[in-house]
Amino acid sequence: MGKRVQIQQAHLGKASIQVKADSIKDAVAALLEANKNAGIVALTGLDLDKKIGLMYHFRSNGAIVTFRTDVPKENPKISTITDILPGAAFHEREAADLFGVVFEGHPNLARLVLPDDWPENLYPLRKDAKIEEATF
């Protein structure tokens, strides 16, 4: 798949696959087609300066498969995968709360981790977060 997907060599039952953000849904669909029992176990966010990195971790055939992608920090949007893998809903909500990622098409991006009175546009796991702006 060339520039859209890059597979890195597996190590100790783990595989890491770099995926373009606009192909994440296709990659997840391909994984589910290969193993209908695959499931998401975590979604990790990373502040990469000008980008937000996303690592989708799946359990598949006794191994962990990680799809890595990133979105621009100033407009962190990516398609939801909840329509093909409903179990991703809480993981996406957590990344939305903590990193400000917008999962387009998500059925309910309501707060999950942060309190309802947390300031809008303050994402605590971003390096540039000014936590002192959160007053309680």
Protein backbone atom coordinates (compact mmCIF):
# COMPACT_ATOMS: atom_id res chain seq x y z
CA MET A 1 0.00 0.00 0.00
CA GLY A 2 3.08 2.17 -0.21
CA LYS A 3 2.59 5.66 1.18
CA ARG A 4 -0.77 4.94 2.82
CA VAL A 5 0.35 2.06 5.06
CA GLN A 6 3.78 1.00 6.29
CA ILE A 7 4.21 -2.22 8.28
CA GLN A 8 7.09 -2.50 10.71
CA GLN A 9 8.59 -5.84 11.64
CA ALA A 10 6.79 -7.61 14.48
CA HIS A 11 8.66 -8.10 17.75
CA LEU A 12 7.54 -10.37 20.59
CA GLY A 13 3.98 -10.69 19.33
CA LYS A 14 3.61 -7.01 18.49
CA ALA A 15 3.23 -5.29 15.13
CA SER A 16 3.27 -1.56 14.43
CA ILE A 17 1.69 -0.20 11.28
CA GLN A 18 1.95 3.44 10.20
CA VAL A 19 -1.33 4.54 8.57
CA LYS A 20 -2.30 7.85 6.96
CA ALA A 21 -5.07 9.50 8.99
CA ASP A 22 -7.52 9.38 6.08
CA SER A 23 -6.98 5.61 5.80
CA ILE A 24 -7.49 4.62 9.45
CA LYS A 25 -10.99 3.29 8.86
CA ASP A 26 -9.79 1.19 5.88
CA ALA A 27 -6.96 -0.25 7.99
CA VAL A 28 -9.29 -1.18 10.84
CA ALA A 29 -11.79 -2.71 8.40
CA ALA A 30 -8.99 -4.81 6.87
CA LEU A 31 -7.94 -6.01 10.32
CA LEU A 32 -11.53 -6.96 11.17
CA GLU A 33 -11.92 -8.72 7.82
CA ALA A 34 -8.81 -10.79 8.56
CA ASN A 35 -9.95 -11.53 12.12
CA LYS A 36 -13.56 -10.84 13.06
CA ASN A 37 -12.66 -11.36 16.74
CA ALA A 38 -10.07 -8.56 16.79
CA GLY A 39 -10.84 -5.81 19.26
CA ILE A 40 -9.47 -2.49 20.40
CA VAL A 41 -7.70 -2.48 23.76
CA ALA A 42 -6.49 1.14 23.92
CA LEU A 43 -6.06 4.39 22.04
CA THR A 44 -2.98 6.33 23.08
CA GLY A 45 -2.51 10.00 22.30
CA LEU A 46 0.85 11.80 22.10
CA ASP A 47 1.69 15.47 21.78
CA LEU A 48 4.23 15.57 18.94
CA ASP A 49 4.72 19.36 18.87
CA LYS A 50 2.79 20.34 15.72
CA LYS A 51 0.85 17.06 15.53
CA ILE A 52 -1.16 14.82 17.80
CA GLY A 53 -0.06 11.22 17.44
CA LEU A 54 -2.66 8.49 17.81
CA MET A 55 -1.83 4.85 18.43
CA TYR A 56 -4.74 2.44 18.11
CA HIS A 57 -3.88 -0.83 19.91
CA PHE A 58 -5.76 -3.98 18.90
CA ARG A 59 -5.78 -7.57 20.10
CA SER A 60 -5.72 -9.97 17.17
CA ASN A 61 -4.87 -13.67 17.11
CA GLY A 62 -2.96 -13.50 20.39
CA ALA A 63 -0.87 -10.51 19.32
CA ILE A 64 -1.03 -6.76 19.75
CA VAL A 65 -1.32 -4.79 16.51
CA THR A 66 -0.82 -1.03 16.70
CA PHE A 67 -1.96 1.38 14.00
CA ARG A 68 -0.04 4.65 14.30
CA THR A 69 -1.24 7.89 12.73
CA ASP A 70 -1.22 11.59 13.41
CA VAL A 71 -3.36 14.67 12.90
CA PRO A 72 -2.35 18.35 12.81
CA LYS A 73 -2.51 19.92 16.25
CA GLU A 74 -4.26 23.07 15.01
CA ASN A 75 -7.06 21.03 13.37
CA PRO A 76 -7.01 17.57 14.98
CA LYS A 77 -9.74 15.76 13.06
CA ILE A 78 -10.00 12.11 12.07
CA SER A 79 -12.87 9.78 11.17
CA THR A 80 -14.38 7.78 13.97
CA ILE A 81 -14.07 4.00 13.82
CA THR A 82 -17.08 3.45 16.09
CA ASP A 83 -19.34 2.65 13.15
CA ILE A 84 -17.25 -0.46 12.39
CA LEU A 85 -15.94 -1.11 15.91
CA PRO A 86 -18.35 0.20 18.57
CA GLY A 87 -15.89 -0.67 21.35
CA ALA A 88 -13.75 2.29 20.28
CA ALA A 89 -16.34 4.81 21.55
CA PHE A 90 -14.89 5.32 25.03
CA HIS A 91 -11.31 5.34 23.74
CA GLU A 92 -12.13 8.09 21.26
CA ARG A 93 -13.98 10.11 23.89
CA GLU A 94 -10.93 9.93 26.16
CA ALA A 95 -8.60 11.19 23.39
CA ALA A 96 -11.09 13.97 22.62
CA ASP A 97 -11.12 15.06 26.28
CA LEU A 98 -7.39 14.93 26.88
CA PHE A 99 -5.95 15.95 23.49
CA GLY A 100 -8.78 17.77 21.68
CA VAL A 101 -9.02 15.28 18.83
CA VAL A 102 -12.34 15.49 16.99
CA PHE A 103 -13.52 12.07 15.83
CA GLU A 104 -15.82 12.98 12.96
CA GLY A 105 -18.99 10.92 12.89
CA HIS A 106 -18.69 9.79 16.53
CA PRO A 107 -22.19 9.26 17.93
CA ASN A 108 -21.49 10.98 21.29
CA LEU A 109 -18.27 12.90 21.98
CA ALA A 110 -19.48 13.99 25.42
CA ARG A 111 -16.87 14.38 28.14
CA LEU A 112 -15.59 11.15 29.60
CA VAL A 113 -12.58 11.90 31.80
CA LEU A 114 -12.75 15.61 32.57
CA PRO A 115 -15.44 17.26 34.71
CA ASP A 116 -18.29 19.03 32.94
CA ASP A 117 -17.06 22.43 34.17
CA TRP A 118 -13.56 21.95 32.70
CA PRO A 119 -12.62 24.91 30.43
CA GLU A 120 -13.28 24.50 26.70
CA ASN A 121 -10.16 24.17 24.51
CA LEU A 122 -7.91 23.24 27.46
CA TYR A 123 -6.52 19.78 26.84
CA PRO A 124 -4.46 18.64 29.85
CA LEU A 125 -2.16 16.16 28.07
CA ARG A 126 -0.96 18.67 25.49
CA LYS A 127 2.47 20.09 26.25
CA ASP A 128 1.22 23.66 25.83
CA ALA A 129 -1.70 23.23 28.28
CA LYS A 130 -1.89 25.96 30.91
CA ILE A 131 -3.51 23.97 33.69
CA GLU A 132 -3.63 27.06 35.93
CA GLU A 133 -6.44 28.23 33.64
CA ALA A 134 -8.62 25.49 35.08
CA THR A 135 -10.30 27.08 38.08
CA PHE A 136 -12.59 25.14 40.36
